[in-house]
């Protein structure tokens, strides 16, 4: 009996190492399966994430390809509502400048020449008013920014402010910056005038959307649109070199010079000043003075 118990004990001791090995193998196998499942899940997540990421090839093996899903693609542009708001923000601050002997006061007549259908375009665009150009109200007290070449031969000019009633004022020249073709005028009004907001023109880039507002041929508040074709263009007018000008494809015609070039937020980025054209009429290339060039003149003229 005693021998039998001893024999069983010996057998149990012999089987113990075998059982330990079997249990260890089973546990190891389970751990391996779990690890494989976790790795598979992680790999699937990485593949899904890689579908919407940009490979820049910085490791030396990539080709720099861009892989995007449809949810990653967003078109960045100005909507019609954005442009409508932009024009509304500055339109009333854009004025007409001329030297016509019109009576100072109010008038309900809207600007523009009288046209005949059967007349050549060059004749049809003539008007009894000697419209010179446009300007931008930059201070509610009546300070107006415009181009120097428009008013250089006239000590006093007329300024037409457009609102519910068309109001004509006599304007005096406050100060000029001949080198940058800029001038500041002043009109006296019994009420605060609408003012345009000025942008930081150093932030303007080529291909930015812009709008030009002016009075071409006497048609007040005419809006044309385009892009900045170049933001550092040098041009020669007469014997003067104008550097770092904005080149645009926004239509600018006689009467638009001095008007506002605005961004999509309705802020003035430049003052329309010239066109490149063999015919004298807009041919797709126009130029504007960056508004930052006008800041020293405005500070001197307005704040003294």
C-alpha atoms as a PDB file:
ATOM      1  CA  UNK A   1       0.000   0.000   0.000  1.00  0.00           C
ATOM      2  CA  UNK A   2       2.800   2.274   0.989  1.00  0.00           C
ATOM      3  CA  UNK A   3       4.668   1.297  -2.160  1.00  0.00           C
ATOM      4  CA  UNK A   4       1.629   2.159  -4.252  1.00  0.00           C
ATOM      5  CA  UNK A   5       1.367   5.682  -2.803  1.00  0.00           C
ATOM      6  CA  UNK A   6       5.066   6.245  -3.290  1.00  0.00           C
ATOM      7  CA  UNK A   7       4.788   5.139  -6.893  1.00  0.00           C
ATOM      8  CA  UNK A   8       1.938   7.595  -7.554  1.00  0.00           C
ATOM      9  CA  UNK A   9       3.922  10.388  -5.941  1.00  0.00           C
ATOM     10  CA  UNK A  10       6.910   9.606  -8.161  1.00  0.00           C
ATOM     11  CA  UNK A  11       4.692   9.682 -11.272  1.00  0.00           C
ATOM     12  CA  UNK A  12       3.157  13.002 -10.213  1.00  0.00           C
ATOM     13  CA  UNK A  13       6.580  14.563  -9.767  1.00  0.00           C
ATOM     14  CA  UNK A  14       7.612  13.316 -13.205  1.00  0.00           C
ATOM     15  CA  UNK A  15       4.496  14.821 -14.846  1.00  0.00           C
ATOM     16  CA  UNK A  16       4.803  18.240 -13.151  1.00  0.00           C
ATOM     17  CA  UNK A  17       7.574  19.574 -15.466  1.00  0.00           C
ATOM     18  CA  UNK A  18       5.630  18.337 -18.489  1.00  0.00           C
ATOM     19  CA  UNK A  19       2.465  20.140 -17.318  1.00  0.00           C
ATOM     20  CA  UNK A  20       4.392  23.363 -16.737  1.00  0.00           C
ATOM     21  CA  UNK A  21       5.813  23.201 -20.251  1.00  0.00           C
ATOM     22  CA  UNK A  22       2.367  22.564 -21.744  1.00  0.00           C
ATOM     23  CA  UNK A  23       0.776  25.450 -19.839  1.00  0.00           C
ATOM     24  CA  UNK A  24       3.629  27.746 -20.865  1.00  0.00           C
ATOM     25  CA  UNK A  25       3.202  26.806 -24.511  1.00  0.00           C
ATOM     26  CA  UNK A  26      -0.574  27.392 -24.379  1.00  0.00           C
ATOM     27  CA  UNK A  27      -0.149  30.804 -22.736  1.00  0.00           C
ATOM     28  CA  UNK A  28       2.546  31.740 -25.250  1.00  0.00           C
ATOM     29  CA  UNK A  29       0.304  30.711 -28.138  1.00  0.00           C
ATOM     30  CA  UNK A  30      -2.554  32.819 -26.762  1.00  0.00           C
ATOM     31  CA  UNK A  31      -0.268  35.834 -26.352  1.00  0.00           C
ATOM     32  CA  UNK A  32       0.974  35.403 -29.933  1.00  0.00           C
ATOM     33  CA  UNK A  33      -2.584  35.380 -31.293  1.00  0.00           C
ATOM     34  CA  UNK A  34      -3.482  38.485 -29.298  1.00  0.00           C
ATOM     35  CA  UNK A  35      -0.377  40.302 -30.533  1.00  0.00           C
ATOM     36  CA  UNK A  36      -1.167  39.386 -34.127  1.00  0.00           C
ATOM     37  CA  UNK A  37      -4.715  40.675 -33.759  1.00  0.00           C
ATOM     38  CA  UNK A  38      -3.500  43.943 -32.229  1.00  0.00           C
ATOM     39  CA  UNK A  39      -0.882  44.410 -34.940  1.00  0.00           C
ATOM     40  CA  UNK A  40      -3.442  43.735 -37.676  1.00  0.00           C
ATOM     41  CA  UNK A  41      -5.832  46.284 -36.185  1.00  0.00           C
ATOM     42  CA  UNK A  42      -3.066  48.892 -35.877  1.00  0.00           C
ATOM     43  CA  UNK A  43      -1.971  48.283 -39.470  1.00  0.00           C
ATOM     44  CA  UNK A  44      -5.522  48.765 -40.750  1.00  0.00           C
ATOM     45  CA  UNK A  45      -5.801  52.070 -38.862  1.00  0.00           C
ATOM     46  CA  UNK A  46      -2.508  53.277 -40.336  1.00  0.00           C
ATOM     47  CA  UNK A  47      -3.625  52.397 -43.846  1.00  0.00           C
ATOM     48  CA  UNK A  48      -6.880  54.285 -43.382  1.00  0.00           C
ATOM     49  CA  UNK A  49      -5.033  57.279 -41.991  1.00  0.00           C
ATOM     50  CA  UNK A  50      -2.489  57.232 -44.802  1.00  0.00           C
ATOM     51  CA  UNK A  51      -5.276  57.660 -47.368  1.00  0.00           C
ATOM     52  CA  UNK A  52      -5.698  61.281 -46.270  1.00  0.00           C
ATOM     53  CA  UNK A  53      -2.139  62.326 -45.565  1.00  0.00           C
ATOM     54  CA  UNK A  54       0.555  63.987 -47.636  1.00  0.00           C
ATOM     55  CA  UNK A  55       3.795  62.094 -48.263  1.00  0.00           C
ATOM     56  CA  UNK A  56       6.623  64.596 -48.455  1.00  0.00           C
ATOM     57  CA  UNK A  57       9.383  62.160 -49.395  1.00  0.00           C
ATOM     58  CA  UNK A  58      11.677  63.422 -46.614  1.00  0.00           C
ATOM     59  CA  UNK A  59      12.968  59.914 -45.867  1.00  0.00           C
ATOM     60  CA  UNK A  60      14.620  59.793 -49.277  1.00  0.00           C
ATOM     61  CA  UNK A  61      12.450  56.968 -50.603  1.00  0.00           C
ATOM     62  CA  UNK A  62       9.199  58.833 -51.172  1.00  0.00           C
ATOM     63  CA  UNK A  63       8.317  60.532 -54.453  1.00  0.00           C
ATOM     64  CA  UNK A  64       6.481  63.498 -52.937  1.00  0.00           C
ATOM     65  CA  UNK A  65       3.077  62.313 -54.165  1.00  0.00           C
ATOM     66  CA  UNK A  66      -0.055  63.718 -52.537  1.00  0.00           C
ATOM     67  CA  UNK A  67      -2.916  61.366 -51.750  1.00  0.00           C
ATOM     68  CA  UNK A  68      -6.148  63.023 -50.649  1.00  0.00           C
ATOM     69  CA  UNK A  69      -9.626  61.744 -50.052  1.00  0.00           C
ATOM     70  CA  UNK A  70     -12.629  63.719 -51.270  1.00  0.00           C
ATOM     71  CA  UNK A  71     -13.361  64.892 -47.719  1.00  0.00           C
ATOM     72  CA  UNK A  72      -9.933  66.558 -47.540  1.00  0.00           C
ATOM     73  CA  UNK A  73     -10.467  68.739 -50.620  1.00  0.00           C
ATOM     74  CA  UNK A  74     -11.906  72.213 -50.001  1.00  0.00           C
ATOM     75  CA  UNK A  75     -12.176  74.942 -52.617  1.00  0.00           C
ATOM     76  CA  UNK A  76     -10.990  78.289 -51.271  1.00  0.00           C
ATOM     77  CA  UNK A  77     -12.574  81.194 -53.129  1.00  0.00           C
ATOM     78  CA  UNK A  78     -14.701  84.272 -52.723  1.00  0.00           C
ATOM     79  CA  UNK A  79     -18.430  83.712 -53.000  1.00  0.00           C
ATOM     80  CA  UNK A  80     -20.767  86.179 -54.669  1.00  0.00           C
ATOM     81  CA  UNK A  81     -22.019  87.176 -51.217  1.00  0.00           C
ATOM     82  CA  UNK A  82     -18.461  87.978 -50.117  1.00  0.00           C
ATOM     83  CA  UNK A  83     -17.935  90.277 -53.094  1.00  0.00           C
ATOM     84  CA  UNK A  84     -21.317  91.936 -52.604  1.00  0.00           C
ATOM     85  CA  UNK A  85     -20.462  92.699 -48.981  1.00  0.00           C
ATOM     86  CA  UNK A  86     -17.018  93.932 -50.013  1.00  0.00           C
ATOM     87  CA  UNK A  87     -18.460  96.435 -52.486  1.00  0.00           C
ATOM     88  CA  UNK A  88     -21.149  97.556 -50.049  1.00  0.00           C
ATOM     89  CA  UNK A  89     -18.499  98.251 -47.404  1.00  0.00           C
ATOM     90  CA  UNK A  90     -16.642 100.826 -49.515  1.00  0.00           C
ATOM     91  CA  UNK A  91     -18.844 101.902 -52.400  1.00  0.00           C
ATOM     92  CA  UNK A  92     -20.325 105.015 -50.798  1.00  0.00           C
ATOM     93  CA  UNK A  93     -16.819 106.230 -49.907  1.00  0.00           C
ATOM     94  CA  UNK A  94     -15.742 106.340 -53.573  1.00  0.00           C
ATOM     95  CA  UNK A  95     -16.316 109.778 -55.107  1.00  0.00           C
ATOM     96  CA  UNK A  96     -16.125 111.397 -58.530  1.00  0.00           C
ATOM     97  CA  UNK A  97     -13.595 114.174 -59.210  1.00  0.00           C
ATOM     98  CA  UNK A  98     -13.915 116.703 -62.053  1.00  0.00           C
ATOM     99  CA  UNK A  99     -13.335 120.331 -62.958  1.00  0.00           C
ATOM    100  CA  UNK A 100     -16.719 120.971 -64.510  1.00  0.00           C
ATOM    101  CA  UNK A 101     -18.351 124.245 -63.586  1.00  0.00           C
ATOM    102  CA  UNK A 102     -21.305 122.396 -62.095  1.00  0.00           C
ATOM    103  CA  UNK A 103     -23.309 124.177 -59.407  1.00  0.00           C
ATOM    104  CA  UNK A 104     -22.374 123.151 -55.904  1.00  0.00           C
ATOM    105  CA  UNK A 105     -25.299 121.443 -54.183  1.00  0.00           C
ATOM    106  CA  UNK A 106     -27.544 118.435 -54.588  1.00  0.00           C
ATOM    107  CA  UNK A 107     -28.779 116.783 -57.748  1.00  0.00           C
ATOM    108  CA  UNK A 108     -30.882 113.709 -58.458  1.00  0.00           C
ATOM    109  CA  UNK A 109     -29.279 113.097 -61.866  1.00  0.00           C
ATOM    110  CA  UNK A 110     -27.124 110.010 -62.065  1.00  0.00           C
ATOM    111  CA  UNK A 111     -23.773 110.360 -63.842  1.00  0.00           C
ATOM    112  CA  UNK A 112     -22.829 109.080 -67.261  1.00  0.00           C
ATOM    113  CA  UNK A 113     -22.656 110.439 -70.785  1.00  0.00           C
ATOM    114  CA  UNK A 114     -25.526 110.695 -73.242  1.00  0.00           C
ATOM    115  CA  UNK A 115     -25.145 107.883 -75.794  1.00  0.00           C
ATOM    116  CA  UNK A 116     -26.428 107.374 -79.324  1.00  0.00           C
ATOM    117  CA  UNK A 117     -26.758 103.862 -80.715  1.00  0.00           C
ATOM    118  CA  UNK A 118     -25.451 104.756 -84.182  1.00  0.00           C
ATOM    119  CA  UNK A 119     -22.402 106.723 -83.072  1.00  0.00           C
ATOM    120  CA  UNK A 120     -18.886 105.307 -83.014  1.00  0.00           C
ATOM    121  CA  UNK A 121     -17.752 104.301 -79.559  1.00  0.00           C
ATOM    122  CA  UNK A 122     -15.148 107.062 -79.345  1.00  0.00           C
ATOM    123  CA  UNK A 123     -17.811 109.709 -79.932  1.00  0.00           C
ATOM    124  CA  UNK A 124     -20.469 108.005 -77.879  1.00  0.00           C
ATOM    125  CA  UNK A 125     -18.216 108.128 -74.833  1.00  0.00           C
ATOM    126  CA  UNK A 126     -17.848 111.900 -74.944  1.00  0.00           C
ATOM    127  CA  UNK A 127     -19.720 113.860 -72.308  1.00  0.00           C
ATOM    128  CA  UNK A 128     -20.372 117.488 -71.515  1.00  0.00           C
ATOM    129  CA  UNK A 129     -18.820 116.973 -68.104  1.00  0.00           C
ATOM    130  CA  UNK A 130     -15.048 117.027 -68.029  1.00  0.00           C
ATOM    131  CA  UNK A 131     -14.748 114.044 -65.744  1.00  0.00           C
ATOM    132  CA  UNK A 132     -11.228 113.607 -64.484  1.00  0.00           C
ATOM    133  CA  UNK A 133     -11.349 110.631 -62.210  1.00  0.00           C
ATOM    134  CA  UNK A 134     -12.291 109.250 -58.843  1.00  0.00           C
ATOM    135  CA  UNK A 135     -11.236 109.441 -55.217  1.00  0.00           C
ATOM    136  CA  UNK A 136     -11.687 107.650 -51.898  1.00  0.00           C
ATOM    137  CA  UNK A 137     -12.931 109.234 -48.676  1.00  0.00           C
ATOM    138  CA  UNK A 138     -10.436 108.246 -45.979  1.00  0.00           C
ATOM    139  CA  UNK A 139     -11.680 110.439 -43.126  1.00  0.00           C
ATOM    140  CA  UNK A 140     -15.260 111.288 -42.127  1.00  0.00           C
ATOM    141  CA  UNK A 141     -14.329 114.987 -41.894  1.00  0.00           C
ATOM    142  CA  UNK A 142     -13.989 115.128 -45.674  1.00  0.00           C
ATOM    143  CA  UNK A 143     -10.428 114.070 -46.510  1.00  0.00           C
ATOM    144  CA  UNK A 144     -10.166 112.349 -49.880  1.00  0.00           C
ATOM    145  CA  UNK A 145      -7.283 110.392 -51.398  1.00  0.00           C
ATOM    146  CA  UNK A 146      -6.800 110.529 -55.174  1.00  0.00           C
ATOM    147  CA  UNK A 147      -4.105 110.664 -57.853  1.00  0.00           C
ATOM    148  CA  UNK A 148      -1.907 113.727 -58.208  1.00  0.00           C
ATOM    149  CA  UNK A 149      -1.929 113.677 -62.020  1.00  0.00           C
ATOM    150  CA  UNK A 150      -5.699 114.256 -61.987  1.00  0.00           C
ATOM    151  CA  UNK A 151      -5.603 117.562 -60.121  1.00  0.00           C
ATOM    152  CA  UNK A 152      -2.100 118.942 -60.687  1.00  0.00           C
ATOM    153  CA  UNK A 153      -3.337 121.677 -63.057  1.00  0.00           C
ATOM    154  CA  UNK A 154      -6.373 122.665 -60.984  1.00  0.00           C
ATOM    155  CA  UNK A 155      -6.140 124.470 -57.620  1.00  0.00           C
ATOM    156  CA  UNK A 156      -9.805 123.759 -56.944  1.00  0.00           C
ATOM    157  CA  UNK A 157     -11.815 120.779 -58.176  1.00  0.00           C
ATOM    158  CA  UNK A 158     -15.321 119.453 -57.740  1.00  0.00           C
ATOM    159  CA  UNK A 159     -16.038 116.315 -55.744  1.00  0.00           C
ATOM    160  CA  UNK A 160     -19.301 114.422 -56.127  1.00  0.00           C
ATOM    161  CA  UNK A 161     -20.388 112.268 -53.200  1.00  0.00           C
ATOM    162  CA  UNK A 162     -22.994 109.642 -54.063  1.00  0.00           C
ATOM    163  CA  UNK A 163     -25.686 108.661 -51.589  1.00  0.00           C
ATOM    164  CA  UNK A 164     -29.472 108.911 -51.738  1.00  0.00           C
ATOM    165  CA  UNK A 165     -28.848 112.419 -53.081  1.00  0.00           C
ATOM    166  CA  UNK A 166     -25.937 113.249 -55.392  1.00  0.00           C
ATOM    167  CA  UNK A 167     -24.018 116.010 -53.606  1.00  0.00           C
ATOM    168  CA  UNK A 168     -21.347 118.178 -55.271  1.00  0.00           C
ATOM    169  CA  UNK A 169     -18.679 119.938 -53.200  1.00  0.00           C
ATOM    170  CA  UNK A 170     -15.808 122.258 -53.933  1.00  0.00           C
ATOM    171  CA  UNK A 171     -12.575 120.633 -52.770  1.00  0.00           C
ATOM    172  CA  UNK A 172      -9.252 122.159 -51.801  1.00  0.00           C
ATOM    173  CA  UNK A 173      -5.893 120.467 -52.238  1.00  0.00           C
ATOM    174  CA  UNK A 174      -4.382 119.761 -48.816  1.00  0.00           C
ATOM    175  CA  UNK A 175      -1.137 118.012 -49.734  1.00  0.00           C
ATOM    176  CA  UNK A 176       0.475 116.015 -52.529  1.00  0.00           C
ATOM    177  CA  UNK A 177       3.082 113.276 -53.004  1.00  0.00           C
ATOM    178  CA  UNK A 178       4.311 113.755 -56.552  1.00  0.00           C
ATOM    179  CA  UNK A 179       6.779 110.855 -56.426  1.00  0.00           C
ATOM    180  CA  UNK A 180       3.952 108.395 -55.758  1.00  0.00           C
ATOM    181  CA  UNK A 181       1.279 110.251 -57.805  1.00  0.00           C
ATOM    182  CA  UNK A 182      -0.929 110.865 -54.771  1.00  0.00           C
ATOM    183  CA  UNK A 183      -2.920 113.825 -53.491  1.00  0.00           C
ATOM    184  CA  UNK A 184      -5.197 114.571 -50.538  1.00  0.00           C
ATOM    185  CA  UNK A 185      -8.260 116.792 -51.003  1.00  0.00           C
ATOM    186  CA  UNK A 186     -10.626 118.261 -48.421  1.00  0.00           C
ATOM    187  CA  UNK A 187     -14.324 119.028 -48.705  1.00  0.00           C
ATOM    188  CA  UNK A 188     -16.538 120.679 -46.111  1.00  0.00           C
ATOM    189  CA  UNK A 189     -19.649 118.721 -45.200  1.00  0.00           C
ATOM    190  CA  UNK A 190     -22.233 119.362 -42.496  1.00  0.00           C
ATOM    191  CA  UNK A 191     -22.435 115.644 -41.757  1.00  0.00           C
ATOM    192  CA  UNK A 192     -19.943 112.791 -41.290  1.00  0.00           C
ATOM    193  CA  UNK A 193     -19.052 111.150 -44.570  1.00  0.00           C
ATOM    194  CA  UNK A 194     -18.741 107.419 -45.320  1.00  0.00           C
ATOM    195  CA  UNK A 195     -15.168 106.210 -44.935  1.00  0.00           C
ATOM    196  CA  UNK A 196     -13.290 103.383 -46.621  1.00  0.00           C
ATOM    197  CA  UNK A 197     -11.170 101.050 -44.487  1.00  0.00           C
ATOM    198  CA  UNK A 198      -7.532 100.731 -45.492  1.00  0.00           C
ATOM    199  CA  UNK A 199      -5.792  97.359 -45.648  1.00  0.00           C
ATOM    200  CA  UNK A 200      -2.149  96.422 -45.213  1.00  0.00           C
ATOM    201  CA  UNK A 201      -1.092  96.302 -48.849  1.00  0.00           C
ATOM    202  CA  UNK A 202       2.129  94.472 -47.936  1.00  0.00           C
ATOM    203  CA  UNK A 203      -0.036  91.385 -47.449  1.00  0.00           C
ATOM    204  CA  UNK A 204      -1.353  91.426 -51.027  1.00  0.00           C
ATOM    205  CA  UNK A 205      -0.151  88.509 -53.144  1.00  0.00           C
ATOM    206  CA  UNK A 206      -0.253  87.691 -56.838  1.00  0.00           C
ATOM    207  CA  UNK A 207      -3.566  85.982 -57.799  1.00  0.00           C
ATOM    208  CA  UNK A 208      -5.476  87.646 -54.917  1.00  0.00           C
ATOM    209  CA  UNK A 209      -9.023  88.552 -55.918  1.00  0.00           C
ATOM    210  CA  UNK A 210      -9.566  92.308 -56.194  1.00  0.00           C
ATOM    211  CA  UNK A 211     -12.265  94.766 -57.295  1.00  0.00           C
ATOM    212  CA  UNK A 212     -11.849  98.235 -58.781  1.00  0.00           C
ATOM    213  CA  UNK A 213     -14.449 100.922 -58.056  1.00  0.00           C
ATOM    214  CA  UNK A 214     -14.533 104.231 -59.895  1.00  0.00           C
ATOM    215  CA  UNK A 215     -16.395 106.445 -62.372  1.00  0.00           C
ATOM    216  CA  UNK A 216     -15.269 105.441 -65.862  1.00  0.00           C
ATOM    217  CA  UNK A 217     -16.611 107.913 -68.427  1.00  0.00           C
ATOM    218  CA  UNK A 218     -18.758 109.449 -65.683  1.00  0.00           C
ATOM    219  CA  UNK A 219     -20.604 106.250 -64.719  1.00  0.00           C
ATOM    220  CA  UNK A 220     -20.293 106.480 -60.950  1.00  0.00           C
ATOM    221  CA  UNK A 221     -19.680 103.490 -58.712  1.00  0.00           C
ATOM    222  CA  UNK A 222     -18.776 101.168 -61.562  1.00  0.00           C
ATOM    223  CA  UNK A 223     -17.313  97.915 -60.228  1.00  0.00           C
ATOM    224  CA  UNK A 224     -14.910  95.730 -62.178  1.00  0.00           C
ATOM    225  CA  UNK A 225     -13.123  92.634 -60.978  1.00  0.00           C
ATOM    226  CA  UNK A 226      -9.983  90.615 -61.493  1.00  0.00           C
ATOM    227  CA  UNK A 227      -6.859  89.434 -59.738  1.00  0.00           C
ATOM    228  CA  UNK A 228      -3.487  90.819 -58.750  1.00  0.00           C
ATOM    229  CA  UNK A 229      -1.320  89.892 -61.730  1.00  0.00           C
ATOM    230  CA  UNK A 230       1.871  91.105 -60.045  1.00  0.00           C
ATOM    231  CA  UNK A 231       2.424  92.796 -56.686  1.00  0.00           C
ATOM    232  CA  UNK A 232       5.891  94.272 -57.358  1.00  0.00           C
ATOM    233  CA  UNK A 233       5.697  95.759 -60.856  1.00  0.00           C
ATOM    234  CA  UNK A 234       7.901  98.688 -61.912  1.00  0.00           C
ATOM    235  CA  UNK A 235       6.492 100.978 -64.617  1.00  0.00           C
ATOM    236  CA  UNK A 236       7.672 104.128 -66.359  1.00  0.00           C
ATOM    237  CA  UNK A 237       5.231 106.981 -67.016  1.00  0.00           C
ATOM    238  CA  UNK A 238       6.817 109.908 -68.799  1.00  0.00           C
ATOM    239  CA  UNK A 239      10.213 110.244 -67.192  1.00  0.00           C
ATOM    240  CA  UNK A 240       9.171 108.884 -63.823  1.00  0.00           C
ATOM    241  CA  UNK A 241       9.705 105.350 -62.576  1.00  0.00           C
ATOM    242  CA  UNK A 242       7.064 103.977 -60.222  1.00  0.00           C
ATOM    243  CA  UNK A 243       8.252 100.898 -58.353  1.00  0.00           C
ATOM    244  CA  UNK A 244       6.420  98.106 -56.534  1.00  0.00           C
ATOM    245  CA  UNK A 245       3.068  98.821 -58.175  1.00  0.00           C
ATOM    246  CA  UNK A 246       0.131  96.415 -58.302  1.00  0.00           C
ATOM    247  CA  UNK A 247      -0.601  95.104 -61.780  1.00  0.00           C
ATOM    248  CA  UNK A 248      -4.173  93.847 -62.229  1.00  0.00           C
ATOM    249  CA  UNK A 249      -6.546  92.770 -64.963  1.00  0.00           C
ATOM    250  CA  UNK A 250      -9.482  94.686 -63.482  1.00  0.00           C
ATOM    251  CA  UNK A 251     -10.886  97.108 -66.054  1.00  0.00           C
ATOM    252  CA  UNK A 252      -9.820 100.722 -65.465  1.00  0.00           C
ATOM    253  CA  UNK A 253     -10.888 103.417 -67.949  1.00  0.00           C
ATOM    254  CA  UNK A 254     -10.924 107.211 -68.142  1.00  0.00           C
ATOM    255  CA  UNK A 255     -12.564 108.401 -64.947  1.00  0.00           C
ATOM    256  CA  UNK A 256     -11.529 105.371 -62.869  1.00  0.00           C
ATOM    257  CA  UNK A 257      -8.089 106.693 -61.924  1.00  0.00           C
ATOM    258  CA  UNK A 258      -7.968 107.651 -58.268  1.00  0.00           C
ATOM    259  CA  UNK A 259     -10.642 105.098 -57.429  1.00  0.00           C
ATOM    260  CA  UNK A 260     -10.349 102.275 -54.945  1.00  0.00           C
ATOM    261  CA  UNK A 261      -8.780  98.898 -55.522  1.00  0.00           C
ATOM    262  CA  UNK A 262     -10.250  96.697 -52.799  1.00  0.00           C
ATOM    263  CA  UNK A 263      -9.812  93.161 -51.517  1.00  0.00           C
ATOM    264  CA  UNK A 264     -12.559  90.602 -50.889  1.00  0.00           C
ATOM    265  CA  UNK A 265     -13.108  92.039 -47.399  1.00  0.00           C
ATOM    266  CA  UNK A 266     -13.968  95.489 -48.718  1.00  0.00           C
ATOM    267  CA  UNK A 267     -10.694  97.109 -47.634  1.00  0.00           C
ATOM    268  CA  UNK A 268      -8.709  99.448 -49.875  1.00  0.00           C
ATOM    269  CA  UNK A 269      -5.428  97.877 -50.967  1.00  0.00           C
ATOM    270  CA  UNK A 270      -4.557 100.369 -53.681  1.00  0.00           C
ATOM    271  CA  UNK A 271      -5.417 103.471 -55.721  1.00  0.00           C
ATOM    272  CA  UNK A 272      -6.032 102.900 -59.439  1.00  0.00           C
ATOM    273  CA  UNK A 273      -3.688 105.081 -61.436  1.00  0.00           C
ATOM    274  CA  UNK A 274      -2.749 103.908 -64.953  1.00  0.00           C
ATOM    275  CA  UNK A 275      -3.287 101.439 -67.790  1.00  0.00           C
ATOM    276  CA  UNK A 276      -1.059  99.962 -70.470  1.00  0.00           C
ATOM    277  CA  UNK A 277      -2.877 100.329 -73.774  1.00  0.00           C
ATOM    278  CA  UNK A 278      -1.981 101.280 -77.366  1.00  0.00           C
ATOM    279  CA  UNK A 279      -5.520 102.613 -77.929  1.00  0.00           C
ATOM    280  CA  UNK A 280      -5.897 104.667 -74.773  1.00  0.00           C
ATOM    281  CA  UNK A 281      -8.678 102.408 -73.521  1.00  0.00           C
ATOM    282  CA  UNK A 282      -8.468  99.415 -71.211  1.00  0.00           C
ATOM    283  CA  UNK A 283      -6.693  96.480 -72.857  1.00  0.00           C
ATOM    284  CA  UNK A 284      -6.390  94.079 -69.930  1.00  0.00           C
ATOM    285  CA  UNK A 285      -3.510  95.606 -67.969  1.00  0.00           C
ATOM    286  CA  UNK A 286      -3.952  98.229 -65.255  1.00  0.00           C
ATOM    287  CA  UNK A 287      -1.881  99.488 -62.347  1.00  0.00           C
ATOM    288  CA  UNK A 288      -2.596 100.668 -58.815  1.00  0.00           C
ATOM    289  CA  UNK A 289      -0.564 102.393 -56.117  1.00  0.00           C
ATOM    290  CA  UNK A 290      -0.332 100.194 -52.985  1.00  0.00           C
ATOM    291  CA  UNK A 291      -2.203 101.931 -50.169  1.00  0.00           C
ATOM    292  CA  UNK A 292       0.749 101.651 -47.781  1.00  0.00           C
ATOM    293  CA  UNK A 293       2.574 104.171 -49.986  1.00  0.00           C
ATOM    294  CA  UNK A 294      -0.170 106.672 -49.155  1.00  0.00           C
ATOM    295  CA  UNK A 295       0.017 106.311 -45.375  1.00  0.00           C
ATOM    296  CA  UNK A 296       2.812 108.876 -44.780  1.00  0.00           C
ATOM    297  CA  UNK A 297       0.951 111.449 -46.886  1.00  0.00           C
ATOM    298  CA  UNK A 298      -2.335 110.776 -45.073  1.00  0.00           C
ATOM    299  CA  UNK A 299      -0.721 111.087 -41.639  1.00  0.00           C
ATOM    300  CA  UNK A 300       0.891 114.376 -42.640  1.00  0.00           C
ATOM    301  CA  UNK A 301      -2.195 115.841 -44.296  1.00  0.00           C
ATOM    302  CA  UNK A 302      -4.831 114.733 -41.773  1.00  0.00           C
ATOM    303  CA  UNK A 303      -3.045 114.552 -38.445  1.00  0.00           C
ATOM    304  CA  UNK A 304      -0.580 117.329 -39.224  1.00  0.00           C
END
